[in-house]
Amino acid sequence: MDYRGVEFTAVESSHGSWKWQLSIKDRDKIKTSGEAANRMAAIEQAHQAIAEGLRAHATPKHEVSLPQLARDVLHILHGARSLPSAEAIESLRPFLNTMRDRASGTDRFADVSAAAVTALVQRLEAKGVATDDLWEEAIESSTSFAHEVS
């Protein structure tokens, strides 16, 4: 399973309880496994561990400059268009994670760019391919975002 870009498993043990485990790089700072009474509780615990780990490893807001973020997403969008959908999604996910964690409504160009990239990624996830219109909308809105913050 996947939650916020982090793979995890939840499996039933021979004793009837459910065990979950994360596939994550930095095991020193994040709880990577646990046990719960049922499947839903195991999934919820895994989601909580992932959320805590992402918060702990997030770059502080003052270190992520909007101009750099805008330039990065434009670079990724132009290159990702030629990638297989799974790779395109993976390359765009850090931008979406960063944008999700910032305050919405503080910069309308940033919000429009994030919404367009989100729609693109959702289409890639659902259909495996996105229309040229979705790609262009993501690129154009991100270009406006880049111009606004420069």
Protein backbone atom coordinates (compact mmCIF):
# COMPACT_ATOMS: atom_id res chain seq x y z
CA MET A 1 0.00 0.00 0.00
CA ASP A 2 1.02 3.62 -0.39
CA TYR A 3 0.27 6.61 1.82
CA ARG A 4 1.68 10.05 1.00
CA GLY A 5 4.34 8.49 -1.19
CA VAL A 6 5.57 5.98 1.42
CA GLU A 7 5.08 2.25 0.87
CA PHE A 8 3.83 0.11 3.75
CA THR A 9 2.33 -3.32 4.32
CA ALA A 10 -0.34 -4.57 6.71
CA VAL A 11 -0.58 -8.33 7.08
CA GLU A 12 -2.44 -10.67 9.39
CA SER A 13 -0.22 -12.70 11.70
CA SER A 14 -0.79 -16.35 12.59
CA HIS A 15 -2.13 -15.18 15.98
CA GLY A 16 -4.93 -13.13 14.41
CA SER A 17 -3.40 -9.73 15.04
CA TRP A 18 -2.26 -7.43 12.24
CA LYS A 19 1.30 -6.27 11.73
CA TRP A 20 2.33 -3.25 9.69
CA GLN A 21 5.72 -2.22 8.37
CA LEU A 22 7.03 0.81 6.52
CA SER A 23 9.52 0.81 3.71
CA ILE A 24 11.48 3.92 4.62
CA LYS A 25 15.11 4.99 4.46
CA ASP A 26 15.76 6.65 7.85
CA ARG A 27 14.74 4.10 10.46
CA ASP A 28 16.39 5.91 13.38
CA LYS A 29 13.84 8.71 13.51
CA ILE A 30 10.63 6.97 12.55
CA LYS A 31 8.63 4.08 13.92
CA THR A 32 8.80 1.51 11.14
CA SER A 33 6.56 -1.29 12.37
CA GLY A 34 3.83 -2.13 14.81
CA GLU A 35 1.00 -4.44 15.69
CA ALA A 36 -2.74 -3.83 15.96
CA ALA A 37 -5.89 -5.76 16.75
CA ASN A 38 -7.37 -5.45 13.25
CA ARG A 39 -6.54 -4.42 9.69
CA MET A 40 -8.04 -0.91 9.90
CA ALA A 41 -6.16 -0.15 13.12
CA ALA A 42 -2.90 -1.38 11.55
CA ILE A 43 -3.42 0.85 8.52
CA GLU A 44 -4.26 3.83 10.74
CA GLN A 45 -1.12 3.28 12.84
CA ALA A 46 0.99 3.06 9.69
CA HIS A 47 -0.58 6.29 8.38
CA GLN A 48 0.18 8.03 11.68
CA ALA A 49 3.80 6.83 11.64
CA ILE A 50 4.22 8.03 8.05
CA ALA A 51 2.71 11.44 8.83
CA GLU A 52 4.95 11.83 11.89
CA GLY A 53 8.00 10.80 9.89
CA LEU A 54 7.22 13.20 7.06
CA ARG A 55 6.75 16.05 9.53
CA ALA A 56 10.02 15.17 11.28
CA HIS A 57 11.92 15.11 7.98
CA ALA A 58 10.22 18.11 6.37
CA THR A 59 12.43 20.97 5.35
CA PRO A 60 11.65 24.01 7.50
CA LYS A 61 9.42 26.47 5.65
CA HIS A 62 12.06 29.22 5.63
CA GLU A 63 14.46 26.92 3.76
CA VAL A 64 12.09 26.27 0.85
CA SER A 65 12.04 29.37 -1.28
CA LEU A 66 9.03 29.76 -3.51
CA PRO A 67 11.13 30.88 -6.50
CA GLN A 68 13.23 27.71 -6.25
CA LEU A 69 10.15 25.56 -5.79
CA ALA A 70 8.54 27.10 -8.88
CA ARG A 71 11.68 26.63 -10.99
CA ASP A 72 12.00 23.04 -9.83
CA VAL A 73 8.43 22.09 -10.70
CA LEU A 74 8.75 23.64 -14.17
CA HIS A 75 11.93 21.70 -14.79
CA ILE A 76 10.25 18.51 -13.59
CA LEU A 77 7.09 19.10 -15.64
CA HIS A 78 9.02 19.55 -18.85
CA GLY A 79 11.10 16.43 -18.25
CA ALA A 80 8.34 14.29 -16.73
CA ARG A 81 6.17 14.53 -19.81
CA SER A 82 8.45 12.06 -21.58
CA LEU A 83 8.63 9.65 -18.62
CA PRO A 84 6.44 6.62 -17.97
CA SER A 85 3.50 7.70 -15.80
CA ALA A 86 4.80 6.04 -12.60
CA GLU A 87 8.12 7.90 -12.88
CA ALA A 88 6.37 11.18 -13.70
CA ILE A 89 4.16 10.78 -10.63
CA GLU A 90 7.16 10.00 -8.43
CA SER A 91 9.08 13.03 -9.70
CA LEU A 92 6.13 15.39 -9.09
CA ARG A 93 5.20 14.03 -5.64
CA PRO A 94 7.80 16.08 -3.66
CA PHE A 95 6.36 19.30 -5.10
CA LEU A 96 2.83 18.22 -4.15
CA ASN A 97 3.94 17.21 -0.65
CA THR A 98 5.61 20.58 -0.13
CA MET A 99 2.61 22.47 -1.46
CA ARG A 100 0.17 20.42 0.64
CA ASP A 101 2.08 21.29 3.80
CA ARG A 102 2.10 25.06 3.18
CA ALA A 103 -0.78 27.39 4.02
CA SER A 104 -3.32 27.48 1.22
CA GLY A 105 -4.66 30.85 0.13
CA THR A 106 -1.45 32.77 0.81
CA ASP A 107 -0.41 32.85 -2.85
CA ARG A 108 -3.07 32.27 -5.49
CA PHE A 109 -0.52 31.46 -8.22
CA ALA A 110 1.00 28.78 -6.00
CA ASP A 111 -2.46 27.39 -5.25
CA VAL A 112 -3.41 27.27 -8.95
CA SER A 113 -0.12 25.58 -9.83
CA ALA A 114 -0.56 23.01 -7.05
CA ALA A 115 -4.15 22.32 -8.15
CA ALA A 116 -3.11 21.82 -11.78
CA VAL A 117 -0.22 19.52 -10.88
CA THR A 118 -2.52 17.60 -8.52
CA ALA A 119 -5.08 17.12 -11.31
CA LEU A 120 -2.31 15.93 -13.63
CA VAL A 121 -0.97 13.43 -11.09
CA GLN A 122 -4.45 12.16 -10.25
CA ARG A 123 -5.13 11.53 -13.94
CA LEU A 124 -1.77 9.77 -14.35
CA GLU A 125 -2.54 7.60 -11.33
CA ALA A 126 -6.07 6.77 -12.49
CA LYS A 127 -5.56 6.31 -16.23
CA GLY A 128 -1.80 5.93 -16.68
CA VAL A 129 -1.82 8.79 -19.17
CA ALA A 130 -2.82 12.45 -19.12
CA THR A 131 -4.16 14.66 -21.86
CA ASP A 132 -2.05 17.36 -23.46
CA ASP A 133 -4.46 19.87 -21.94
CA LEU A 134 -3.67 18.69 -18.41
CA TRP A 135 0.07 18.85 -19.08
CA GLU A 136 -0.26 22.34 -20.59
CA GLU A 137 -2.41 23.59 -17.72
CA ALA A 138 0.14 22.34 -15.18
CA ILE A 139 3.01 23.92 -17.13
CA GLU A 140 1.24 27.24 -17.76
CA SER A 141 0.04 27.64 -14.18
CA SER A 142 3.49 26.75 -12.87
CA THR A 143 5.06 29.23 -15.28
CA SER A 144 2.73 31.94 -13.89
CA PHE A 145 3.71 30.86 -10.37
CA ALA A 146 7.42 31.10 -11.29
CA HIS A 147 6.98 34.59 -12.81
CA GLU A 148 5.00 35.82 -9.81
CA VAL A 149 7.58 34.77 -7.22
CA SER A 150 10.64 35.84 -9.21
